[in-house]
C-alpha atoms as a PDB file:
ATOM      1  CA  UNK A   1     -68.639  44.881  -7.417  1.00  0.00           C
ATOM      2  CA  UNK A   2     -66.900  44.896  -4.069  1.00  0.00           C
ATOM      3  CA  UNK A   3     -64.610  47.666  -2.926  1.00  0.00           C
ATOM      4  CA  UNK A   4     -60.870  47.154  -2.644  1.00  0.00           C
ATOM      5  CA  UNK A   5     -61.010  46.955   1.151  1.00  0.00           C
ATOM      6  CA  UNK A   6     -63.700  44.238   0.969  1.00  0.00           C
ATOM      7  CA  UNK A   7     -61.527  42.164  -1.341  1.00  0.00           C
ATOM      8  CA  UNK A   8     -58.447  42.670   0.849  1.00  0.00           C
ATOM      9  CA  UNK A   9     -60.320  41.708   4.022  1.00  0.00           C
ATOM     10  CA  UNK A  10     -61.812  38.644   2.325  1.00  0.00           C
ATOM     11  CA  UNK A  11     -58.352  37.571   1.193  1.00  0.00           C
ATOM     12  CA  UNK A  12     -56.987  38.070   4.714  1.00  0.00           C
ATOM     13  CA  UNK A  13     -59.832  36.024   6.206  1.00  0.00           C
ATOM     14  CA  UNK A  14     -59.335  33.215   3.688  1.00  0.00           C
ATOM     15  CA  UNK A  15     -55.595  33.133   4.432  1.00  0.00           C
ATOM     16  CA  UNK A  16     -56.226  33.014   8.197  1.00  0.00           C
ATOM     17  CA  UNK A  17     -58.880  30.317   7.735  1.00  0.00           C
ATOM     18  CA  UNK A  18     -56.449  28.159   5.731  1.00  0.00           C
ATOM     19  CA  UNK A  19     -53.781  28.643   8.409  1.00  0.00           C
ATOM     20  CA  UNK A  20     -56.290  27.668  11.098  1.00  0.00           C
ATOM     21  CA  UNK A  21     -57.371  24.514   9.301  1.00  0.00           C
ATOM     22  CA  UNK A  22     -53.720  23.576   8.807  1.00  0.00           C
ATOM     23  CA  UNK A  23     -52.857  24.301  12.453  1.00  0.00           C
ATOM     24  CA  UNK A  24     -55.880  22.285  13.561  1.00  0.00           C
ATOM     25  CA  UNK A  25     -54.825  19.214  11.648  1.00  0.00           C
ATOM     26  CA  UNK A  26     -54.109  16.183  13.772  1.00  0.00           C
ATOM     27  CA  UNK A  27     -50.342  16.389  13.293  1.00  0.00           C
ATOM     28  CA  UNK A  28     -49.993  20.098  14.048  1.00  0.00           C
ATOM     29  CA  UNK A  29     -52.534  20.188  16.859  1.00  0.00           C
ATOM     30  CA  UNK A  30     -50.867  17.382  18.769  1.00  0.00           C
ATOM     31  CA  UNK A  31     -47.574  19.313  18.666  1.00  0.00           C
ATOM     32  CA  UNK A  32     -48.852  22.742  19.684  1.00  0.00           C
ATOM     33  CA  UNK A  33     -52.323  23.450  21.018  1.00  0.00           C
ATOM     34  CA  UNK A  34     -51.247  27.006  21.870  1.00  0.00           C
ATOM     35  CA  UNK A  35     -50.317  27.699  18.263  1.00  0.00           C
ATOM     36  CA  UNK A  36     -53.666  26.343  17.058  1.00  0.00           C
ATOM     37  CA  UNK A  37     -55.437  28.582  19.577  1.00  0.00           C
ATOM     38  CA  UNK A  38     -53.402  31.609  18.442  1.00  0.00           C
ATOM     39  CA  UNK A  39     -54.229  30.968  14.796  1.00  0.00           C
ATOM     40  CA  UNK A  40     -57.897  30.557  15.752  1.00  0.00           C
ATOM     41  CA  UNK A  41     -57.866  34.005  17.395  1.00  0.00           C
ATOM     42  CA  UNK A  42     -56.238  35.527  14.321  1.00  0.00           C
ATOM     43  CA  UNK A  43     -58.884  33.947  12.083  1.00  0.00           C
ATOM     44  CA  UNK A  44     -61.657  35.331  14.307  1.00  0.00           C
ATOM     45  CA  UNK A  45     -60.086  38.805  14.179  1.00  0.00           C
ATOM     46  CA  UNK A  46     -59.990  38.707  10.392  1.00  0.00           C
ATOM     47  CA  UNK A  47     -63.630  37.614  10.261  1.00  0.00           C
ATOM     48  CA  UNK A  48     -64.727  40.354  12.660  1.00  0.00           C
ATOM     49  CA  UNK A  49     -62.877  43.007  10.644  1.00  0.00           C
ATOM     50  CA  UNK A  50     -64.561  41.757   7.471  1.00  0.00           C
ATOM     51  CA  UNK A  51     -68.021  41.729   9.065  1.00  0.00           C
ATOM     52  CA  UNK A  52     -67.532  45.203  10.546  1.00  0.00           C
ATOM     53  CA  UNK A  53     -66.479  46.610   7.202  1.00  0.00           C
ATOM     54  CA  UNK A  54     -69.378  44.947   5.397  1.00  0.00           C
ATOM     55  CA  UNK A  55     -71.826  46.500   7.853  1.00  0.00           C
ATOM     56  CA  UNK A  56     -70.840  49.976   6.631  1.00  0.00           C
ATOM     57  CA  UNK A  57     -69.651  49.302   3.072  1.00  0.00           C
ATOM     58  CA  UNK A  58     -72.061  50.511   0.391  1.00  0.00           C
ATOM     59  CA  UNK A  59     -70.804  48.079  -2.244  1.00  0.00           C
ATOM     60  CA  UNK A  60     -71.283  45.134   0.147  1.00  0.00           C
ATOM     61  CA  UNK A  61     -74.798  46.286   1.029  1.00  0.00           C
ATOM     62  CA  UNK A  62     -75.736  46.362  -2.660  1.00  0.00           C
ATOM     63  CA  UNK A  63     -74.484  42.823  -3.276  1.00  0.00           C
ATOM     64  CA  UNK A  64     -77.142  40.117  -2.837  1.00  0.00           C
ATOM     65  CA  UNK A  65     -74.703  37.474  -1.556  1.00  0.00           C
ATOM     66  CA  UNK A  66     -71.118  37.075  -0.503  1.00  0.00           C
ATOM     67  CA  UNK A  67     -70.798  33.492  -1.678  1.00  0.00           C
ATOM     68  CA  UNK A  68     -67.028  33.153  -1.483  1.00  0.00           C
ATOM     69  CA  UNK A  69     -66.589  34.088   2.169  1.00  0.00           C
ATOM     70  CA  UNK A  70     -70.120  33.747   3.481  1.00  0.00           C
ATOM     71  CA  UNK A  71     -70.150  29.981   3.131  1.00  0.00           C
ATOM     72  CA  UNK A  72     -66.996  29.706   5.249  1.00  0.00           C
ATOM     73  CA  UNK A  73     -67.881  32.497   7.634  1.00  0.00           C
ATOM     74  CA  UNK A  74     -71.164  30.822   8.571  1.00  0.00           C
ATOM     75  CA  UNK A  75     -69.308  27.826   9.961  1.00  0.00           C
ATOM     76  CA  UNK A  76     -68.183  28.325  13.501  1.00  0.00           C
ATOM     77  CA  UNK A  77     -64.437  27.818  14.065  1.00  0.00           C
ATOM     78  CA  UNK A  78     -65.270  25.009  16.480  1.00  0.00           C
ATOM     79  CA  UNK A  79     -67.003  23.162  13.639  1.00  0.00           C
ATOM     80  CA  UNK A  80     -63.952  23.570  11.419  1.00  0.00           C
ATOM     81  CA  UNK A  81     -61.774  22.351  14.266  1.00  0.00           C
ATOM     82  CA  UNK A  82     -63.917  19.295  14.986  1.00  0.00           C
ATOM     83  CA  UNK A  83     -63.988  18.222  11.378  1.00  0.00           C
ATOM     84  CA  UNK A  84     -60.290  18.745  10.727  1.00  0.00           C
ATOM     85  CA  UNK A  85     -58.634  17.742  14.002  1.00  0.00           C
ATOM     86  CA  UNK A  86     -60.863  15.201  15.622  1.00  0.00           C
ATOM     87  CA  UNK A  87     -58.882  12.177  16.695  1.00  0.00           C
ATOM     88  CA  UNK A  88     -60.699   8.857  17.056  1.00  0.00           C
ATOM     89  CA  UNK A  89     -60.347   7.145  20.425  1.00  0.00           C
ATOM     90  CA  UNK A  90     -57.771   4.376  20.407  1.00  0.00           C
END
């Protein structure tokens, strides 16, 4: 069982990740690269906060896996960006 802070930080990371994927979409990215970069930074901040908390959280240390967030957290933001916003050459 995860602590309340773990669950809140996971939810914040998931929300930021969704916003980043949306901002990195071809339509949004072509309009505002600065916004996509800002959302990327916010997603990274949320991930760092989650990882920092997990490094000291007793309930997270006792859990064998963090399947919900770990699968997304292992992917680098650049990989998410490439897969969601890559535009084929015309």
